[in-house]
């Protein structure tokens, strides 16, 4: 079996047997067809990860009985058409692969019957739901962002506002200046906006420090986390309502590197918008959800915890190198 988790930061591929035991692992770069330089570049990242996993497992693509891809950028109908066709052709898979949006793959990692709502906060946010009758709803591009990059952007805005007398003072100023090596907030603004300055992805590194500051009681950081959590919860509720999925007793899977942070604030703000739902955190890694989906296609029942425990990733593997040092495992 082949399982792939593809995102904006990295791509992980796993080749496993029918018992869910991993035999090969591969790594690639950004596989989001919207964020990579071109869709072909995203597909190349996926292919590279898969080829490495196949080689390390000592098998060929022809021997893959089932393949599941949980991908950021699998958003609209034409995206699924492209990905399903191109991935089968490029890799040489004998059967059509299953391609799902990364929110729906995350849901499988935390919900044994693959129903409920999933709230993923990684670089960006992916939110979706699946009804017991198999219907799925997710939005490709939510109008409000609540991923790590959005949290970092909000923090930088608060730092600039404080400097210009447009907002309250915040400890985020100290954290941001130290993190990026700037002398003052206007110098930091310059570094992020000048030609040839800091790349947009550098914003991500501030997000875990915002969560740390919120836990330490900084009012500005507390407000940012509360706002982003509320956005995530309202997006999840909208997905459930679209499917007529009652929230009471429904699993709400909270996943992604931002939710991996030790703070309870983001999860609490999210769940406040989902009355009656049951929060599920610290689920199998995203690629574990894809592996469970591949097992489903073979009709194999597997325990999510056992599958997660068999994945050969060190504890910090899921953490983006772009993130700052933090108690977070995000």
C-alpha atoms as a PDB file:
ATOM      1  CA  UNK A   1       0.000   0.000   0.000  1.00  0.00           C
ATOM      2  CA  UNK A   2       1.024   3.596  -0.570  1.00  0.00           C
ATOM      3  CA  UNK A   3       0.045   6.517   1.668  1.00  0.00           C
ATOM      4  CA  UNK A   4       1.002  10.145   1.064  1.00  0.00           C
ATOM      5  CA  UNK A   5       0.472  13.287   3.107  1.00  0.00           C
ATOM      6  CA  UNK A   6       1.264  16.395   1.102  1.00  0.00           C
ATOM      7  CA  UNK A   7       1.334  19.961   2.369  1.00  0.00           C
ATOM      8  CA  UNK A   8       2.896  23.367   1.942  1.00  0.00           C
ATOM      9  CA  UNK A   9       5.978  22.576   3.994  1.00  0.00           C
ATOM     10  CA  UNK A  10       6.723  18.988   3.083  1.00  0.00           C
ATOM     11  CA  UNK A  11       5.443  15.736   1.628  1.00  0.00           C
ATOM     12  CA  UNK A  12       5.677  12.334   3.340  1.00  0.00           C
ATOM     13  CA  UNK A  13       5.156   9.008   1.574  1.00  0.00           C
ATOM     14  CA  UNK A  14       4.885   5.608   3.227  1.00  0.00           C
ATOM     15  CA  UNK A  15       4.851   2.144   1.690  1.00  0.00           C
ATOM     16  CA  UNK A  16       3.282  -0.436   4.002  1.00  0.00           C
ATOM     17  CA  UNK A  17       1.973  -3.984   3.923  1.00  0.00           C
ATOM     18  CA  UNK A  18      -1.610  -5.094   4.424  1.00  0.00           C
ATOM     19  CA  UNK A  19      -1.059  -5.224   8.188  1.00  0.00           C
ATOM     20  CA  UNK A  20      -0.149  -1.532   8.197  1.00  0.00           C
ATOM     21  CA  UNK A  21       3.542  -2.200   8.867  1.00  0.00           C
ATOM     22  CA  UNK A  22       5.758   0.434   7.241  1.00  0.00           C
ATOM     23  CA  UNK A  23       8.537  -0.791   4.958  1.00  0.00           C
ATOM     24  CA  UNK A  24       9.584   2.380   3.153  1.00  0.00           C
ATOM     25  CA  UNK A  25       9.495   6.138   3.685  1.00  0.00           C
ATOM     26  CA  UNK A  26      10.077   9.036   1.309  1.00  0.00           C
ATOM     27  CA  UNK A  27      10.238  12.805   1.630  1.00  0.00           C
ATOM     28  CA  UNK A  28       9.473  15.665  -0.744  1.00  0.00           C
ATOM     29  CA  UNK A  29       8.925  19.412  -0.739  1.00  0.00           C
ATOM     30  CA  UNK A  30       5.764  21.476  -1.197  1.00  0.00           C
ATOM     31  CA  UNK A  31       3.063  19.459  -2.953  1.00  0.00           C
ATOM     32  CA  UNK A  32       0.225  21.976  -2.875  1.00  0.00           C
ATOM     33  CA  UNK A  33      -0.631  22.631  -6.534  1.00  0.00           C
ATOM     34  CA  UNK A  34      -1.602  26.195  -5.588  1.00  0.00           C
ATOM     35  CA  UNK A  35       1.468  27.073  -3.511  1.00  0.00           C
ATOM     36  CA  UNK A  36       4.226  25.351  -5.495  1.00  0.00           C
ATOM     37  CA  UNK A  37       5.714  27.340  -8.394  1.00  0.00           C
ATOM     38  CA  UNK A  38       3.603  25.250 -10.812  1.00  0.00           C
ATOM     39  CA  UNK A  39       1.243  22.274 -10.504  1.00  0.00           C
ATOM     40  CA  UNK A  40       3.929  20.189 -12.201  1.00  0.00           C
ATOM     41  CA  UNK A  41       6.423  21.163  -9.497  1.00  0.00           C
ATOM     42  CA  UNK A  42       3.952  20.008  -6.832  1.00  0.00           C
ATOM     43  CA  UNK A  43       3.429  16.703  -8.636  1.00  0.00           C
ATOM     44  CA  UNK A  44       7.203  16.300  -8.904  1.00  0.00           C
ATOM     45  CA  UNK A  45       7.519  16.666  -5.123  1.00  0.00           C
ATOM     46  CA  UNK A  46       4.932  13.957  -4.598  1.00  0.00           C
ATOM     47  CA  UNK A  47       6.572  11.692  -7.148  1.00  0.00           C
ATOM     48  CA  UNK A  48      10.004  12.173  -5.570  1.00  0.00           C
ATOM     49  CA  UNK A  49       8.663  11.224  -2.124  1.00  0.00           C
ATOM     50  CA  UNK A  50       6.894   8.169  -3.532  1.00  0.00           C
ATOM     51  CA  UNK A  51       9.936   6.998  -5.526  1.00  0.00           C
ATOM     52  CA  UNK A  52      12.092   7.225  -2.413  1.00  0.00           C
ATOM     53  CA  UNK A  53       9.535   5.284  -0.378  1.00  0.00           C
ATOM     54  CA  UNK A  54       9.236   2.581  -3.051  1.00  0.00           C
ATOM     55  CA  UNK A  55      13.003   2.240  -3.333  1.00  0.00           C
ATOM     56  CA  UNK A  56      13.524   1.994   0.414  1.00  0.00           C
ATOM     57  CA  UNK A  57      10.767  -0.634   0.603  1.00  0.00           C
ATOM     58  CA  UNK A  58      12.282  -2.607  -2.272  1.00  0.00           C
ATOM     59  CA  UNK A  59       9.079  -2.663  -4.316  1.00  0.00           C
ATOM     60  CA  UNK A  60       7.833  -1.170  -7.559  1.00  0.00           C
ATOM     61  CA  UNK A  61       4.718   0.870  -8.218  1.00  0.00           C
ATOM     62  CA  UNK A  62       3.226  -2.125 -10.016  1.00  0.00           C
ATOM     63  CA  UNK A  63       3.064  -3.926  -6.671  1.00  0.00           C
ATOM     64  CA  UNK A  64       0.947  -1.254  -4.964  1.00  0.00           C
ATOM     65  CA  UNK A  65      -2.550  -2.634  -4.366  1.00  0.00           C
ATOM     66  CA  UNK A  66      -4.049   0.546  -2.906  1.00  0.00           C
ATOM     67  CA  UNK A  67      -2.903   4.163  -2.754  1.00  0.00           C
ATOM     68  CA  UNK A  68      -4.314   7.105  -0.817  1.00  0.00           C
ATOM     69  CA  UNK A  69      -3.201  10.733  -1.038  1.00  0.00           C
ATOM     70  CA  UNK A  70      -4.252  13.334   1.539  1.00  0.00           C
ATOM     71  CA  UNK A  71      -3.240  16.616  -0.066  1.00  0.00           C
ATOM     72  CA  UNK A  72      -3.345  20.327   0.567  1.00  0.00           C
ATOM     73  CA  UNK A  73      -4.463  21.856  -2.709  1.00  0.00           C
ATOM     74  CA  UNK A  74      -6.996  19.104  -3.464  1.00  0.00           C
ATOM     75  CA  UNK A  75      -9.717  21.709  -3.307  1.00  0.00           C
ATOM     76  CA  UNK A  76     -11.986  21.898  -6.355  1.00  0.00           C
ATOM     77  CA  UNK A  77     -13.407  19.226  -8.703  1.00  0.00           C
ATOM     78  CA  UNK A  78     -10.849  19.940 -11.412  1.00  0.00           C
ATOM     79  CA  UNK A  79      -8.052  19.525  -8.861  1.00  0.00           C
ATOM     80  CA  UNK A  80      -9.148  15.965  -8.108  1.00  0.00           C
ATOM     81  CA  UNK A  81      -9.379  15.203 -11.830  1.00  0.00           C
ATOM     82  CA  UNK A  82      -5.840  16.489 -12.344  1.00  0.00           C
ATOM     83  CA  UNK A  83      -4.327  14.806  -9.307  1.00  0.00           C
ATOM     84  CA  UNK A  84      -5.973  11.417  -9.754  1.00  0.00           C
ATOM     85  CA  UNK A  85      -4.966  11.186 -13.410  1.00  0.00           C
ATOM     86  CA  UNK A  86      -1.491  12.676 -13.132  1.00  0.00           C
ATOM     87  CA  UNK A  87      -0.450  10.745 -10.022  1.00  0.00           C
ATOM     88  CA  UNK A  88      -1.498   7.409 -11.490  1.00  0.00           C
ATOM     89  CA  UNK A  89       0.343   8.141 -14.736  1.00  0.00           C
ATOM     90  CA  UNK A  90       3.528   9.575 -13.212  1.00  0.00           C
ATOM     91  CA  UNK A  91       3.942   6.906 -10.560  1.00  0.00           C
ATOM     92  CA  UNK A  92       2.620   3.999 -12.624  1.00  0.00           C
ATOM     93  CA  UNK A  93      -0.028   2.863 -10.169  1.00  0.00           C
ATOM     94  CA  UNK A  94      -2.005  -0.183 -11.320  1.00  0.00           C
ATOM     95  CA  UNK A  95      -5.292   1.119  -9.862  1.00  0.00           C
ATOM     96  CA  UNK A  96      -6.799   4.594  -9.551  1.00  0.00           C
ATOM     97  CA  UNK A  97      -5.644   6.272  -6.323  1.00  0.00           C
ATOM     98  CA  UNK A  98      -7.872   7.820  -3.684  1.00  0.00           C
ATOM     99  CA  UNK A  99      -7.224  11.567  -3.414  1.00  0.00           C
ATOM    100  CA  UNK A 100      -8.783  13.578  -0.593  1.00  0.00           C
ATOM    101  CA  UNK A 101      -8.385  17.074   0.753  1.00  0.00           C
ATOM    102  CA  UNK A 102      -6.011  17.174   3.719  1.00  0.00           C
ATOM    103  CA  UNK A 103      -8.858  18.039   6.097  1.00  0.00           C
ATOM    104  CA  UNK A 104     -10.684  14.859   5.109  1.00  0.00           C
ATOM    105  CA  UNK A 105      -7.520  12.787   5.480  1.00  0.00           C
ATOM    106  CA  UNK A 106      -6.969  14.228   8.941  1.00  0.00           C
ATOM    107  CA  UNK A 107     -10.523  13.284   9.866  1.00  0.00           C
ATOM    108  CA  UNK A 108      -9.761   9.627   9.117  1.00  0.00           C
ATOM    109  CA  UNK A 109      -6.765   9.768  11.455  1.00  0.00           C
ATOM    110  CA  UNK A 110      -8.957  10.738  14.405  1.00  0.00           C
ATOM    111  CA  UNK A 111     -12.339   9.225  13.633  1.00  0.00           C
ATOM    112  CA  UNK A 112     -12.618   5.423  13.369  1.00  0.00           C
ATOM    113  CA  UNK A 113     -15.719   5.608  11.160  1.00  0.00           C
ATOM    114  CA  UNK A 114     -14.349   8.573   9.133  1.00  0.00           C
ATOM    115  CA  UNK A 115     -17.261  10.842  10.073  1.00  0.00           C
ATOM    116  CA  UNK A 116     -17.383  14.164  11.888  1.00  0.00           C
ATOM    117  CA  UNK A 117     -15.591  17.449  11.370  1.00  0.00           C
ATOM    118  CA  UNK A 118     -11.880  18.058  10.969  1.00  0.00           C
ATOM    119  CA  UNK A 119     -10.080  21.293  11.793  1.00  0.00           C
ATOM    120  CA  UNK A 120      -6.516  21.428  10.544  1.00  0.00           C
ATOM    121  CA  UNK A 121      -4.326  24.397  11.431  1.00  0.00           C
ATOM    122  CA  UNK A 122      -0.941  24.077   9.776  1.00  0.00           C
ATOM    123  CA  UNK A 123       0.677  26.638   7.509  1.00  0.00           C
ATOM    124  CA  UNK A 124      -2.888  27.470   6.497  1.00  0.00           C
ATOM    125  CA  UNK A 125      -6.226  26.105   7.708  1.00  0.00           C
ATOM    126  CA  UNK A 126      -8.111  23.199   6.159  1.00  0.00           C
ATOM    127  CA  UNK A 127     -11.557  22.474   7.534  1.00  0.00           C
ATOM    128  CA  UNK A 128     -14.061  19.879   6.363  1.00  0.00           C
ATOM    129  CA  UNK A 129     -16.693  17.352   7.357  1.00  0.00           C
ATOM    130  CA  UNK A 130     -17.908  13.918   6.341  1.00  0.00           C
ATOM    131  CA  UNK A 131     -21.443  12.631   6.936  1.00  0.00           C
ATOM    132  CA  UNK A 132     -22.148   8.973   7.845  1.00  0.00           C
ATOM    133  CA  UNK A 133     -23.775   8.592   4.404  1.00  0.00           C
ATOM    134  CA  UNK A 134     -20.441   9.423   2.747  1.00  0.00           C
ATOM    135  CA  UNK A 135     -21.139  13.005   1.710  1.00  0.00           C
ATOM    136  CA  UNK A 136     -18.225  15.396   2.154  1.00  0.00           C
ATOM    137  CA  UNK A 137     -17.995  19.174   2.385  1.00  0.00           C
ATOM    138  CA  UNK A 138     -14.946  21.410   2.512  1.00  0.00           C
ATOM    139  CA  UNK A 139     -14.057  24.773   1.037  1.00  0.00           C
ATOM    140  CA  UNK A 140     -10.876  25.164  -0.949  1.00  0.00           C
ATOM    141  CA  UNK A 141     -10.101  28.678   0.182  1.00  0.00           C
ATOM    142  CA  UNK A 142     -11.795  29.925   3.333  1.00  0.00           C
ATOM    143  CA  UNK A 143     -12.375  33.687   3.384  1.00  0.00           C
ATOM    144  CA  UNK A 144     -10.808  33.882   6.867  1.00  0.00           C
ATOM    145  CA  UNK A 145      -7.386  32.421   7.599  1.00  0.00           C
ATOM    146  CA  UNK A 146      -6.443  30.806  10.902  1.00  0.00           C
ATOM    147  CA  UNK A 147      -3.310  28.800  10.217  1.00  0.00           C
ATOM    148  CA  UNK A 148       0.171  29.397  11.570  1.00  0.00           C
ATOM    149  CA  UNK A 149       0.943  31.970   8.916  1.00  0.00           C
ATOM    150  CA  UNK A 150      -2.209  33.907   9.747  1.00  0.00           C
ATOM    151  CA  UNK A 151      -1.354  33.860  13.444  1.00  0.00           C
ATOM    152  CA  UNK A 152       2.128  35.154  12.648  1.00  0.00           C
ATOM    153  CA  UNK A 153       0.752  37.904  10.407  1.00  0.00           C
ATOM    154  CA  UNK A 154      -1.654  39.029  13.124  1.00  0.00           C
ATOM    155  CA  UNK A 155       1.208  39.168  15.611  1.00  0.00           C
ATOM    156  CA  UNK A 156       3.381  41.286  13.319  1.00  0.00           C
ATOM    157  CA  UNK A 157       0.474  43.645  12.713  1.00  0.00           C
ATOM    158  CA  UNK A 158       0.048  44.012  16.483  1.00  0.00           C
ATOM    159  CA  UNK A 159       3.771  44.782  16.843  1.00  0.00           C
ATOM    160  CA  UNK A 160       3.616  47.484  14.176  1.00  0.00           C
ATOM    161  CA  UNK A 161       0.431  48.953  15.656  1.00  0.00           C
ATOM    162  CA  UNK A 162       2.015  49.143  19.111  1.00  0.00           C
ATOM    163  CA  UNK A 163       5.066  50.948  17.718  1.00  0.00           C
ATOM    164  CA  UNK A 164       2.943  53.480  15.827  1.00  0.00           C
ATOM    165  CA  UNK A 165       0.604  54.189  18.736  1.00  0.00           C
ATOM    166  CA  UNK A 166      -2.268  52.442  16.945  1.00  0.00           C
ATOM    167  CA  UNK A 167      -2.606  49.605  19.439  1.00  0.00           C
ATOM    168  CA  UNK A 168      -1.601  48.425  22.916  1.00  0.00           C
ATOM    169  CA  UNK A 169       1.898  47.416  23.927  1.00  0.00           C
ATOM    170  CA  UNK A 170       2.582  43.690  23.738  1.00  0.00           C
ATOM    171  CA  UNK A 171       5.326  41.265  24.675  1.00  0.00           C
ATOM    172  CA  UNK A 172       5.114  40.091  21.085  1.00  0.00           C
ATOM    173  CA  UNK A 173       7.314  43.050  20.182  1.00  0.00           C
ATOM    174  CA  UNK A 174      10.176  41.664  22.251  1.00  0.00           C
ATOM    175  CA  UNK A 175       9.661  38.161  20.899  1.00  0.00           C
ATOM    176  CA  UNK A 176       9.536  39.284  17.260  1.00  0.00           C
ATOM    177  CA  UNK A 177      12.604  41.518  17.474  1.00  0.00           C
ATOM    178  CA  UNK A 178      14.629  38.754  19.093  1.00  0.00           C
ATOM    179  CA  UNK A 179      13.401  36.120  16.661  1.00  0.00           C
ATOM    180  CA  UNK A 180      14.233  38.079  13.524  1.00  0.00           C
ATOM    181  CA  UNK A 181      17.239  39.989  14.839  1.00  0.00           C
ATOM    182  CA  UNK A 182      15.721  43.444  14.252  1.00  0.00           C
ATOM    183  CA  UNK A 183      16.545  46.552  16.285  1.00  0.00           C
ATOM    184  CA  UNK A 184      13.030  47.993  16.365  1.00  0.00           C
ATOM    185  CA  UNK A 185       9.569  47.360  14.897  1.00  0.00           C
ATOM    186  CA  UNK A 186       9.990  49.705  11.952  1.00  0.00           C
ATOM    187  CA  UNK A 187      13.251  47.964  11.116  1.00  0.00           C
ATOM    188  CA  UNK A 188      11.353  44.676  11.237  1.00  0.00           C
ATOM    189  CA  UNK A 189       8.661  46.094   8.953  1.00  0.00           C
ATOM    190  CA  UNK A 190      11.417  47.105   6.559  1.00  0.00           C
ATOM    191  CA  UNK A 191      12.897  43.610   6.535  1.00  0.00           C
ATOM    192  CA  UNK A 192       9.538  42.060   5.677  1.00  0.00           C
ATOM    193  CA  UNK A 193       8.547  44.578   3.008  1.00  0.00           C
ATOM    194  CA  UNK A 194      11.743  45.668   1.261  1.00  0.00           C
ATOM    195  CA  UNK A 195      12.785  44.186  -2.063  1.00  0.00           C
ATOM    196  CA  UNK A 196      14.862  41.100  -1.349  1.00  0.00           C
ATOM    197  CA  UNK A 197      13.847  41.059   2.312  1.00  0.00           C
ATOM    198  CA  UNK A 198      12.485  38.246   4.460  1.00  0.00           C
ATOM    199  CA  UNK A 199      10.336  35.699   2.654  1.00  0.00           C
ATOM    200  CA  UNK A 200       6.664  35.437   3.567  1.00  0.00           C
ATOM    201  CA  UNK A 201       7.230  31.958   4.983  1.00  0.00           C
ATOM    202  CA  UNK A 202       9.396  33.509   7.713  1.00  0.00           C
ATOM    203  CA  UNK A 203       6.184  34.775   9.282  1.00  0.00           C
ATOM    204  CA  UNK A 204       5.384  31.174  10.265  1.00  0.00           C
ATOM    205  CA  UNK A 205       8.188  31.131  12.815  1.00  0.00           C
ATOM    206  CA  UNK A 206       6.401  33.644  15.012  1.00  0.00           C
ATOM    207  CA  UNK A 207       3.223  31.596  15.451  1.00  0.00           C
ATOM    208  CA  UNK A 208       4.354  29.280  18.277  1.00  0.00           C
ATOM    209  CA  UNK A 209       5.691  32.284  20.172  1.00  0.00           C
ATOM    210  CA  UNK A 210       2.237  33.864  19.946  1.00  0.00           C
ATOM    211  CA  UNK A 211       0.753  30.740  21.508  1.00  0.00           C
ATOM    212  CA  UNK A 212       3.438  30.809  24.207  1.00  0.00           C
ATOM    213  CA  UNK A 213       2.721  34.486  24.912  1.00  0.00           C
ATOM    214  CA  UNK A 214      -1.013  33.810  25.133  1.00  0.00           C
ATOM    215  CA  UNK A 215      -0.400  31.120  27.734  1.00  0.00           C
ATOM    216  CA  UNK A 216       1.777  33.609  29.622  1.00  0.00           C
ATOM    217  CA  UNK A 217      -1.173  36.035  29.713  1.00  0.00           C
ATOM    218  CA  UNK A 218      -0.233  38.718  27.165  1.00  0.00           C
ATOM    219  CA  UNK A 219      -3.625  40.317  26.327  1.00  0.00           C
ATOM    220  CA  UNK A 220      -2.779  40.935  22.677  1.00  0.00           C
ATOM    221  CA  UNK A 221      -1.637  37.351  22.123  1.00  0.00           C
ATOM    222  CA  UNK A 222      -4.683  36.058  24.024  1.00  0.00           C
ATOM    223  CA  UNK A 223      -6.960  38.040  21.691  1.00  0.00           C
ATOM    224  CA  UNK A 224      -5.200  36.742  18.563  1.00  0.00           C
ATOM    225  CA  UNK A 225      -5.501  33.111  19.644  1.00  0.00           C
ATOM    226  CA  UNK A 226      -9.139  33.554  20.666  1.00  0.00           C
ATOM    227  CA  UNK A 227     -10.003  35.128  17.317  1.00  0.00           C
ATOM    228  CA  UNK A 228      -8.269  32.428  15.258  1.00  0.00           C
ATOM    229  CA  UNK A 229      -9.812  29.630  17.302  1.00  0.00           C
ATOM    230  CA  UNK A 230     -13.256  31.142  16.864  1.00  0.00           C
ATOM    231  CA  UNK A 231     -12.722  31.327  13.102  1.00  0.00           C
ATOM    232  CA  UNK A 232     -11.747  27.662  12.959  1.00  0.00           C
ATOM    233  CA  UNK A 233     -14.757  26.634  15.005  1.00  0.00           C
ATOM    234  CA  UNK A 234     -17.193  28.631  12.895  1.00  0.00           C
ATOM    235  CA  UNK A 235     -15.734  27.143   9.717  1.00  0.00           C
ATOM    236  CA  UNK A 236     -16.187  23.633  11.120  1.00  0.00           C
ATOM    237  CA  UNK A 237     -19.752  24.417  12.148  1.00  0.00           C
ATOM    238  CA  UNK A 238     -20.495  25.702   8.642  1.00  0.00           C
ATOM    239  CA  UNK A 239     -19.228  22.407   7.172  1.00  0.00           C
ATOM    240  CA  UNK A 240     -21.412  20.356   9.512  1.00  0.00           C
ATOM    241  CA  UNK A 241     -24.456  22.484   8.728  1.00  0.00           C
ATOM    242  CA  UNK A 242     -23.933  22.061   4.982  1.00  0.00           C
ATOM    243  CA  UNK A 243     -24.192  18.292   5.435  1.00  0.00           C
ATOM    244  CA  UNK A 244     -26.969  18.341   8.017  1.00  0.00           C
ATOM    245  CA  UNK A 245     -24.541  16.759  10.466  1.00  0.00           C
ATOM    246  CA  UNK A 246     -25.637  17.325  14.086  1.00  0.00           C
ATOM    247  CA  UNK A 247     -22.822  18.540  16.312  1.00  0.00           C
ATOM    248  CA  UNK A 248     -23.951  16.715  19.438  1.00  0.00           C
ATOM    249  CA  UNK A 249     -21.834  13.596  19.797  1.00  0.00           C
ATOM    250  CA  UNK A 250     -19.915  14.326  16.605  1.00  0.00           C
ATOM    251  CA  UNK A 251     -16.131  14.023  16.676  1.00  0.00           C
ATOM    252  CA  UNK A 252     -14.214  17.225  16.044  1.00  0.00           C
ATOM    253  CA  UNK A 253     -10.680  16.235  15.049  1.00  0.00           C
ATOM    254  CA  UNK A 254      -8.200  19.044  15.792  1.00  0.00           C
ATOM    255  CA  UNK A 255      -5.002  18.453  13.860  1.00  0.00           C
ATOM    256  CA  UNK A 256      -2.008  20.188  12.317  1.00  0.00           C
ATOM    257  CA  UNK A 257       1.188  21.584  13.751  1.00  0.00           C
ATOM    258  CA  UNK A 258      -0.514  24.572  15.388  1.00  0.00           C
ATOM    259  CA  UNK A 259      -2.842  22.343  17.408  1.00  0.00           C
ATOM    260  CA  UNK A 260       0.209  20.281  18.416  1.00  0.00           C
ATOM    261  CA  UNK A 261       1.328  23.198  20.588  1.00  0.00           C
ATOM    262  CA  UNK A 262       0.786  22.516  24.325  1.00  0.00           C
ATOM    263  CA  UNK A 263      -1.655  25.395  24.710  1.00  0.00           C
ATOM    264  CA  UNK A 264      -5.322  24.616  25.317  1.00  0.00           C
ATOM    265  CA  UNK A 265      -6.460  28.101  24.302  1.00  0.00           C
ATOM    266  CA  UNK A 266      -6.784  27.537  20.557  1.00  0.00           C
ATOM    267  CA  UNK A 267      -8.656  24.263  20.995  1.00  0.00           C
ATOM    268  CA  UNK A 268     -10.943  25.797  23.630  1.00  0.00           C
ATOM    269  CA  UNK A 269     -11.812  28.742  21.376  1.00  0.00           C
ATOM    270  CA  UNK A 270     -12.489  26.353  18.498  1.00  0.00           C
ATOM    271  CA  UNK A 271     -14.692  24.006  20.514  1.00  0.00           C
ATOM    272  CA  UNK A 272     -16.667  26.938  21.965  1.00  0.00           C
ATOM    273  CA  UNK A 273     -18.157  27.282  18.461  1.00  0.00           C
ATOM    274  CA  UNK A 274     -19.005  23.557  18.295  1.00  0.00           C
ATOM    275  CA  UNK A 275     -21.392  22.908  21.208  1.00  0.00           C
ATOM    276  CA  UNK A 276     -21.945  19.223  21.851  1.00  0.00           C
ATOM    277  CA  UNK A 277     -19.091  18.036  19.655  1.00  0.00           C
ATOM    278  CA  UNK A 278     -16.383  15.773  21.088  1.00  0.00           C
ATOM    279  CA  UNK A 279     -12.836  17.129  20.660  1.00  0.00           C
ATOM    280  CA  UNK A 280     -10.205  14.680  19.429  1.00  0.00           C
ATOM    281  CA  UNK A 281      -6.575  15.799  19.659  1.00  0.00           C
ATOM    282  CA  UNK A 282      -3.116  14.278  19.278  1.00  0.00           C
ATOM    283  CA  UNK A 283      -4.301  11.890  16.586  1.00  0.00           C
ATOM    284  CA  UNK A 284      -2.125   9.843  14.236  1.00  0.00           C
ATOM    285  CA  UNK A 285       0.189  11.918  12.021  1.00  0.00           C
ATOM    286  CA  UNK A 286      -1.516  13.069   8.807  1.00  0.00           C
ATOM    287  CA  UNK A 287       0.223  10.383   6.755  1.00  0.00           C
ATOM    288  CA  UNK A 288      -1.283   7.904   9.221  1.00  0.00           C
ATOM    289  CA  UNK A 289      -4.731   9.051   8.098  1.00  0.00           C
ATOM    290  CA  UNK A 290      -3.764   8.395   4.479  1.00  0.00           C
ATOM    291  CA  UNK A 291      -2.457   4.965   5.455  1.00  0.00           C
ATOM    292  CA  UNK A 292      -5.746   4.132   7.164  1.00  0.00           C
ATOM    293  CA  UNK A 293      -7.597   5.188   4.004  1.00  0.00           C
ATOM    294  CA  UNK A 294      -5.407   2.881   1.924  1.00  0.00           C
ATOM    295  CA  UNK A 295      -6.161   0.039   4.337  1.00  0.00           C
ATOM    296  CA  UNK A 296      -9.869   0.857   4.031  1.00  0.00           C
ATOM    297  CA  UNK A 297      -9.624   0.383   0.267  1.00  0.00           C
ATOM    298  CA  UNK A 298      -8.310  -3.113   0.880  1.00  0.00           C
ATOM    299  CA  UNK A 299     -11.085  -3.827   3.349  1.00  0.00           C
ATOM    300  CA  UNK A 300      -8.599  -4.146   6.210  1.00  0.00           C
ATOM    301  CA  UNK A 301      -9.687  -3.023   9.666  1.00  0.00           C
ATOM    302  CA  UNK A 302      -6.871  -1.301  11.535  1.00  0.00           C
ATOM    303  CA  UNK A 303      -6.466   0.523  14.813  1.00  0.00           C
ATOM    304  CA  UNK A 304      -5.386   4.135  14.314  1.00  0.00           C
ATOM    305  CA  UNK A 305      -3.139   4.103  17.381  1.00  0.00           C
ATOM    306  CA  UNK A 306      -1.394   0.937  16.207  1.00  0.00           C
ATOM    307  CA  UNK A 307      -0.862   2.415  12.743  1.00  0.00           C
ATOM    308  CA  UNK A 308       0.504   5.647  14.225  1.00  0.00           C
ATOM    309  CA  UNK A 309       2.806   3.724  16.547  1.00  0.00           C
ATOM    310  CA  UNK A 310       4.263   1.834  13.612  1.00  0.00           C
ATOM    311  CA  UNK A 311       5.214   4.922  11.636  1.00  0.00           C
ATOM    312  CA  UNK A 312       9.004   5.351  11.659  1.00  0.00           C
ATOM    313  CA  UNK A 313       9.052   9.061  12.432  1.00  0.00           C
ATOM    314  CA  UNK A 314      10.832  10.512  15.456  1.00  0.00           C
ATOM    315  CA  UNK A 315       8.658  12.545  17.789  1.00  0.00           C
ATOM    316  CA  UNK A 316       9.678  15.877  16.265  1.00  0.00           C
ATOM    317  CA  UNK A 317       9.357  14.720  12.643  1.00  0.00           C
ATOM    318  CA  UNK A 318       6.064  16.481  12.130  1.00  0.00           C
ATOM    319  CA  UNK A 319       7.539  19.830  13.074  1.00  0.00           C
ATOM    320  CA  UNK A 320       8.443  22.343  10.397  1.00  0.00           C
ATOM    321  CA  UNK A 321      12.016  23.587  10.536  1.00  0.00           C
ATOM    322  CA  UNK A 322      10.649  27.044   9.796  1.00  0.00           C
ATOM    323  CA  UNK A 323       9.121  27.233  13.269  1.00  0.00           C
ATOM    324  CA  UNK A 324      10.987  28.850  16.121  1.00  0.00           C
ATOM    325  CA  UNK A 325      12.245  26.995  19.171  1.00  0.00           C
ATOM    326  CA  UNK A 326       9.237  26.412  21.384  1.00  0.00           C
ATOM    327  CA  UNK A 327       7.731  23.827  23.701  1.00  0.00           C
ATOM    328  CA  UNK A 328       5.520  23.052  20.700  1.00  0.00           C
ATOM    329  CA  UNK A 329       5.931  19.889  18.704  1.00  0.00           C
ATOM    330  CA  UNK A 330       4.291  21.663  15.778  1.00  0.00           C
END
